[in-house]
N, C-alpha and C. Protein backbone atom coordinates (compact mmCIF):
# COMPACT_ATOMS: atom_id res chain seq x y z
N UNK A 1 -8.44 96.67 10.53
CA UNK A 1 -9.17 98.06 10.95
C UNK A 1 -10.48 97.34 10.83
N UNK A 2 -10.69 96.80 10.80
CA UNK A 2 -12.45 95.43 11.21
C UNK A 2 -12.89 95.62 12.35
N UNK A 3 -11.11 95.28 13.93
CA UNK A 3 -11.51 95.64 14.75
C UNK A 3 -12.10 96.59 15.32
N UNK A 4 -12.16 97.71 14.60
CA UNK A 4 -12.42 99.56 15.41
C UNK A 4 -13.58 99.02 14.95
N UNK A 5 -14.32 98.30 14.21
CA UNK A 5 -16.38 98.43 14.28
C UNK A 5 -16.58 98.36 15.01
N UNK A 6 -17.13 99.64 14.79
CA UNK A 6 -18.43 99.55 16.46
C UNK A 6 -17.75 100.69 17.22
N UNK A 7 -16.79 101.64 17.26
CA UNK A 7 -16.17 102.17 17.58
C UNK A 7 -16.66 103.71 17.21
N UNK A 8 -16.48 104.88 17.45
CA UNK A 8 -17.74 106.20 17.13
C UNK A 8 -16.25 107.08 16.41
N UNK A 9 -15.37 106.58 18.05
CA UNK A 9 -13.75 107.95 17.89
C UNK A 9 -12.80 106.86 18.60
N UNK A 10 -11.94 107.53 17.88
CA UNK A 10 -10.43 106.87 17.96
C UNK A 10 -9.50 107.83 17.69
N UNK A 11 -8.32 108.09 18.31
CA UNK A 11 -7.34 108.78 19.44
C UNK A 11 -6.47 108.23 17.85
N UNK A 12 -6.25 109.53 16.99
CA UNK A 12 -4.48 109.31 16.62
C UNK A 12 -3.17 109.79 17.40
N UNK A 13 -2.31 109.34 17.21
CA UNK A 13 -0.96 109.91 17.42
C UNK A 13 0.15 110.39 15.96
N UNK A 14 1.13 111.21 16.29
CA UNK A 14 0.69 111.50 14.95
C UNK A 14 2.04 112.29 15.25
N UNK A 15 3.11 111.98 14.26
CA UNK A 15 4.96 112.97 14.86
C UNK A 15 4.42 114.90 13.47
N UNK A 16 5.02 116.36 14.58
CA UNK A 16 4.11 116.76 14.10
C UNK A 16 5.70 117.52 12.82
N UNK A 17 5.05 116.78 11.54
CA UNK A 17 6.22 117.01 10.47
C UNK A 17 6.71 118.16 9.96
N UNK A 18 6.03 119.09 10.01
CA UNK A 18 6.22 120.13 10.13
C UNK A 18 6.58 121.62 10.99
N UNK A 19 7.63 120.83 11.41
CA UNK A 19 6.92 122.31 13.27
C UNK A 19 8.32 122.44 12.64
N UNK A 20 8.93 123.75 13.88
CA UNK A 20 10.60 124.19 13.77
C UNK A 20 10.80 123.42 15.14
N UNK A 21 12.03 123.37 15.29
CA UNK A 21 12.95 123.24 16.26
C UNK A 21 12.66 123.58 17.52
N UNK A 22 11.89 123.02 18.61
CA UNK A 22 11.23 123.15 19.82
C UNK A 22 12.33 123.84 20.70
N UNK A 23 11.59 124.65 21.65
CA UNK A 23 11.68 124.96 22.66
C UNK A 23 11.09 124.91 24.08
N UNK A 24 11.99 125.20 24.85
CA UNK A 24 11.09 125.11 26.05
C UNK A 24 10.44 126.13 26.26
N UNK A 25 10.72 127.52 25.90
CA UNK A 25 10.22 128.35 26.54
C UNK A 25 9.04 128.89 25.07
N UNK A 26 7.19 129.15 25.22
CA UNK A 26 7.36 129.63 23.96
C UNK A 26 5.91 130.14 23.98
N UNK A 27 5.57 131.13 22.96
CA UNK A 27 3.73 131.71 22.97
C UNK A 27 3.02 131.11 22.36
N UNK A 28 1.91 131.07 23.33
CA UNK A 28 0.39 129.87 22.76
C UNK A 28 0.11 131.11 21.34
N UNK A 29 -0.31 130.44 20.21
CA UNK A 29 -0.70 131.58 19.74
C UNK A 29 -3.10 132.03 20.78
N UNK A 30 -2.79 131.64 21.70
CA UNK A 30 -4.24 131.69 22.08
C UNK A 30 -3.68 132.83 22.70
N UNK A 31 -2.43 133.88 23.49
CA UNK A 31 -2.25 134.16 24.88
C UNK A 31 -0.40 135.12 24.16
N UNK A 32 -1.19 136.73 24.79
CA UNK A 32 0.93 137.19 23.89
C UNK A 32 1.78 136.52 25.45
N UNK A 33 1.53 135.78 26.20
CA UNK A 33 2.43 135.62 27.48
C UNK A 33 3.52 133.61 27.27
N UNK A 34 4.68 134.00 27.08
CA UNK A 34 5.56 133.34 26.81
C UNK A 34 4.88 132.78 28.62
N UNK A 35 4.87 131.05 28.26
CA UNK A 35 4.69 129.34 28.41
C UNK A 35 5.75 128.47 29.18
N UNK A 36 5.99 127.65 29.68
CA UNK A 36 6.55 126.13 29.68
C UNK A 36 5.58 125.10 28.70
N UNK A 37 6.66 125.38 27.44
CA UNK A 37 5.98 124.22 26.25
C UNK A 37 5.60 123.62 26.41
N UNK A 38 5.18 122.50 27.59
CA UNK A 38 4.82 121.38 28.42
C UNK A 38 3.61 121.82 29.60
N UNK A 39 3.23 123.53 28.79
CA UNK A 39 1.72 124.28 30.26
C UNK A 39 1.16 124.08 28.61
N UNK A 40 1.92 124.28 26.80
CA UNK A 40 1.48 124.85 25.36
C UNK A 40 0.45 123.06 25.29
N UNK A 41 0.55 123.50 23.48
CA UNK A 41 -0.45 122.39 23.25
C UNK A 41 0.33 122.63 21.76
N UNK A 42 1.67 123.16 21.56
CA UNK A 42 2.30 124.01 20.75
C UNK A 42 3.56 123.06 20.35
N UNK A 43 3.30 122.84 18.56
CA UNK A 43 3.43 121.39 17.60
C UNK A 43 4.92 120.80 17.79
N UNK A 44 6.53 122.56 18.16
CA UNK A 44 7.33 122.55 18.09
C UNK A 44 7.49 122.34 19.82
N UNK A 45 8.06 120.64 20.57
CA UNK A 45 8.66 120.45 20.98
C UNK A 45 9.97 119.48 21.30
N UNK A 46 10.57 119.85 22.33
CA UNK A 46 11.71 118.56 22.61
C UNK A 46 11.52 116.81 21.95
N UNK A 47 9.94 116.89 20.89
CA UNK A 47 9.23 115.19 20.91
C UNK A 47 8.35 115.83 20.01
N UNK A 48 8.37 116.29 18.98
CA UNK A 48 6.81 116.44 18.70
C UNK A 48 5.89 115.67 18.39
N UNK A 49 5.46 114.97 19.40
CA UNK A 49 3.90 113.82 18.63
C UNK A 49 3.04 114.91 19.36
N UNK A 50 1.80 114.35 19.00
CA UNK A 50 0.58 115.17 18.61
C UNK A 50 -0.56 114.11 19.29
N UNK A 51 -1.43 114.33 19.53
CA UNK A 51 -2.44 113.75 19.34
C UNK A 51 -4.50 114.20 19.12
N UNK A 52 -5.52 113.16 19.18
CA UNK A 52 -6.29 113.55 17.91
C UNK A 52 -7.64 112.78 18.89
N UNK A 53 -8.65 113.74 19.09
CA UNK A 53 -10.01 112.72 18.40
C UNK A 53 -10.26 112.33 17.74
N UNK A 54 -11.03 111.41 16.94
CA UNK A 54 -11.55 112.21 16.01
C UNK A 54 -12.63 111.17 15.66
N UNK A 55 -13.74 111.73 15.74
CA UNK A 55 -15.14 111.15 14.63
C UNK A 55 -14.51 109.92 13.75
N UNK A 56 -14.27 108.99 13.66
CA UNK A 56 -14.68 107.39 12.83
C UNK A 56 -16.45 107.39 12.25
N UNK A 57 -16.01 107.65 10.45
CA UNK A 57 -17.21 107.36 9.77
C UNK A 57 -17.57 106.30 9.59
N UNK A 58 -16.66 105.20 8.94
CA UNK A 58 -16.72 103.99 8.42
C UNK A 58 -15.23 103.97 8.04
N UNK A 59 -14.86 102.21 7.98
CA UNK A 59 -13.84 102.03 7.93
C UNK A 59 -13.98 101.49 6.63
N UNK A 60 -13.51 101.09 5.27
CA UNK A 60 -13.20 100.68 3.68
C UNK A 60 -12.44 100.28 3.34
N UNK A 61 -11.46 98.88 3.56
CA UNK A 61 -10.36 97.78 3.56
C UNK A 61 -9.18 98.96 4.38
N UNK A 62 -8.56 99.84 4.57
CA UNK A 62 -7.86 99.87 5.51
C UNK A 62 -7.74 101.26 6.12
N UNK A 63 -8.58 101.53 5.43
CA UNK A 63 -8.56 103.16 4.56
C UNK A 63 -9.75 103.61 5.82
N UNK A 64 -9.42 104.55 6.74
CA UNK A 64 -10.36 105.00 7.39
C UNK A 64 -10.31 106.29 7.14
N UNK A 65 -12.08 106.51 7.28
CA UNK A 65 -12.47 107.68 7.03
C UNK A 65 -13.34 108.13 7.88
N UNK A 66 -12.87 109.54 8.37
CA UNK A 66 -12.91 110.73 9.56
C UNK A 66 -13.54 111.25 9.55
N UNK A 67 -13.86 112.75 10.67
CA UNK A 67 -14.48 113.77 10.15
C UNK A 67 -13.97 114.70 11.74
N UNK A 68 -13.60 115.98 11.72
CA UNK A 68 -12.53 116.80 12.69
C UNK A 68 -11.69 116.27 13.32
N UNK A 69 -11.20 116.16 12.25
CA UNK A 69 -9.57 116.07 11.75
C UNK A 69 -8.58 117.34 12.67
N UNK A 70 -7.55 117.10 12.82
CA UNK A 70 -6.83 119.08 13.07
C UNK A 70 -5.22 118.65 12.76
N UNK A 71 -5.13 117.62 11.92
CA UNK A 71 -4.09 117.18 11.72
C UNK A 71 -3.97 117.68 9.62
N UNK A 72 -2.84 118.05 9.96
CA UNK A 72 -2.21 119.05 8.23
C UNK A 72 -2.37 117.44 7.50
N UNK A 73 -3.10 117.75 6.76
CA UNK A 73 -2.72 116.44 5.14
C UNK A 73 -1.82 116.16 5.15
N UNK A 74 -0.85 115.19 5.25
CA UNK A 74 -0.06 114.02 4.49
C UNK A 74 1.32 114.09 5.50
N UNK A 75 0.22 114.59 7.55
CA UNK A 75 0.86 114.08 8.34
C UNK A 75 1.29 112.53 9.25
N UNK A 76 2.62 112.13 9.35
CA UNK A 76 2.89 110.80 9.35
C UNK A 76 2.33 110.53 10.77
N UNK A 77 1.00 109.49 10.78
CA UNK A 77 0.54 108.35 12.10
C UNK A 77 1.80 107.49 12.36
N UNK A 78 1.50 108.37 13.92
CA UNK A 78 2.20 106.91 14.46
C UNK A 78 1.34 105.42 15.32
N UNK A 79 0.29 105.91 15.73
CA UNK A 79 -0.59 104.83 15.99
C UNK A 79 -2.08 105.09 16.61
N UNK A 80 -2.63 104.41 16.34
CA UNK A 80 -4.16 104.74 16.07
C UNK A 80 -4.67 103.76 18.17
N UNK A 81 -5.67 104.64 18.14
CA UNK A 81 -5.74 103.75 19.62
C UNK A 81 -7.89 104.05 19.72
N UNK A 82 -8.37 102.96 19.83
CA UNK A 82 -9.92 103.14 20.35
C UNK A 82 -9.69 104.37 21.58
N UNK A 83 -11.13 104.96 21.34
CA UNK A 83 -11.32 105.62 22.00
C UNK A 83 -12.48 105.79 22.85
N UNK A 84 -12.52 105.47 24.65
CA UNK A 84 -12.74 105.05 25.70
C UNK A 84 -13.02 106.22 26.41
N UNK A 85 -14.59 106.73 26.44
CA UNK A 85 -14.75 107.66 27.15
C UNK A 85 -14.75 107.35 28.96
N UNK A 86 -14.50 105.37 29.25
CA UNK A 86 -14.45 105.40 30.54
C UNK A 86 -13.24 105.19 31.16
N UNK A 87 -12.38 105.32 30.44
CA UNK A 87 -11.03 105.62 30.06
C UNK A 87 -10.44 107.02 29.77
N UNK A 88 -11.17 107.69 28.90
CA UNK A 88 -10.32 108.94 28.65
C UNK A 88 -10.92 110.26 29.03
N UNK A 89 -12.37 110.38 29.47
CA UNK A 89 -12.48 111.14 29.86
C UNK A 89 -12.14 111.61 31.77
N UNK A 90 -11.76 112.57 32.17
CA UNK A 90 -11.63 112.89 33.35
C UNK A 90 -12.22 114.35 33.49
N UNK A 91 -12.22 114.85 34.73
CA UNK A 91 -13.01 115.34 34.94
C UNK A 91 -12.07 116.13 35.65
N UNK A 92 -11.52 117.32 35.21
CA UNK A 92 -10.83 119.29 35.64
C UNK A 92 -11.67 119.77 36.45
N UNK A 93 -10.46 120.73 37.37
CA UNK A 93 -10.73 121.64 37.98
C UNK A 93 -10.17 122.67 37.27
N UNK A 94 -9.44 122.64 36.33
CA UNK A 94 -8.27 123.94 36.52
C UNK A 94 -7.68 123.74 34.97
N UNK A 95 -7.38 124.20 34.57
CA UNK A 95 -7.31 124.41 32.99
C UNK A 95 -5.43 125.50 33.14
N UNK A 96 -5.03 125.83 33.71
CA UNK A 96 -5.09 126.76 34.51
C UNK A 96 -4.71 128.23 33.04
N UNK A 97 -3.19 128.41 32.88
CA UNK A 97 -3.41 130.20 31.70
C UNK A 97 -4.38 130.56 31.04
N UNK A 98 -5.03 128.71 30.88
CA UNK A 98 -6.17 129.16 29.49
C UNK A 98 -7.07 129.55 29.89
N UNK A 99 -7.70 129.36 31.18
CA UNK A 99 -9.01 129.19 31.58
C UNK A 99 -9.49 131.02 31.10
N UNK A 100 -8.43 131.61 30.95
CA UNK A 100 -8.53 133.43 30.57
C UNK A 100 -8.21 133.62 28.66
N UNK A 101 -8.23 131.81 28.36
CA UNK A 101 -8.30 132.16 26.90
C UNK A 101 -8.98 131.46 26.03
N UNK A 102 -9.51 130.89 26.50
CA UNK A 102 -10.58 129.06 25.48
C UNK A 102 -11.59 129.33 24.50
N UNK A 103 -12.44 130.40 25.94
CA UNK A 103 -13.89 131.83 25.57
C UNK A 103 -13.43 131.83 23.53
N UNK A 104 -12.11 131.94 22.82
CA UNK A 104 -10.90 132.48 22.19
C UNK A 104 -12.19 131.30 20.59
N UNK A 105 -11.54 129.51 21.51
CA UNK A 105 -11.14 128.43 20.23
C UNK A 105 -12.54 128.81 19.25
N UNK A 106 -13.85 129.49 19.24
CA UNK A 106 -14.34 129.55 17.94
C UNK A 106 -14.36 130.01 17.48
N UNK A 107 -13.41 131.60 17.10
CA UNK A 107 -12.99 132.51 16.76
C UNK A 107 -11.37 132.40 15.99
N UNK A 108 -10.16 131.80 17.32
CA UNK A 108 -9.04 132.19 16.34
C UNK A 108 -8.83 130.91 16.08
N UNK A 109 -7.79 131.12 15.12
CA UNK A 109 -6.97 130.70 14.08
C UNK A 109 -4.90 130.32 14.55
N UNK A 110 -5.12 129.21 13.24
CA UNK A 110 -3.33 128.94 14.01
C UNK A 110 -3.18 129.89 13.02
N UNK A 111 -1.54 130.76 13.68
CA UNK A 111 -1.00 131.87 13.25
C UNK A 111 0.47 130.58 12.08
N UNK A 112 -0.36 129.22 12.06
CA UNK A 112 1.00 128.77 10.76
C UNK A 112 2.27 128.07 12.01
N UNK A 113 1.77 128.26 13.07
CA UNK A 113 3.10 126.90 13.13
C UNK A 113 2.58 125.35 12.89
N UNK A 114 0.98 125.04 12.72
CA UNK A 114 1.17 124.05 13.07
C UNK A 114 1.05 123.68 11.93
N UNK A 115 1.03 124.33 10.62
CA UNK A 115 1.23 124.07 9.30
C UNK A 115 2.09 123.78 8.55
N UNK A 116 3.53 124.76 9.14
CA UNK A 116 4.96 124.42 9.84
C UNK A 116 5.36 126.34 8.70
N UNK A 117 3.97 126.65 8.24
CA UNK A 117 4.03 128.14 7.31
C UNK A 117 5.05 129.90 8.66
């Protein structure tokens, strides 16, 4: 884990272990219309794998202390990768149906689908 020293952020790849079986059509929690699962970030999907970018605060032995975590406690971690802006940041022109809904992010909360509720 010491090799991660010096990185301020890391990418966590994990298994949505609490997600219900997936469907190819889902209604996102930020929208009232159905969309194809691959146009959403819904946890119930054919292969329930999630990714999150988190801030790496410090490393103690094999324990990583992080913040800005949007993962349910106890979620199985599949992989850890360093976050490198030159590789990982892309300028985008469009974000599809989310353009009309992304303003809700500071106010809207998970409706239970991410925590198995």
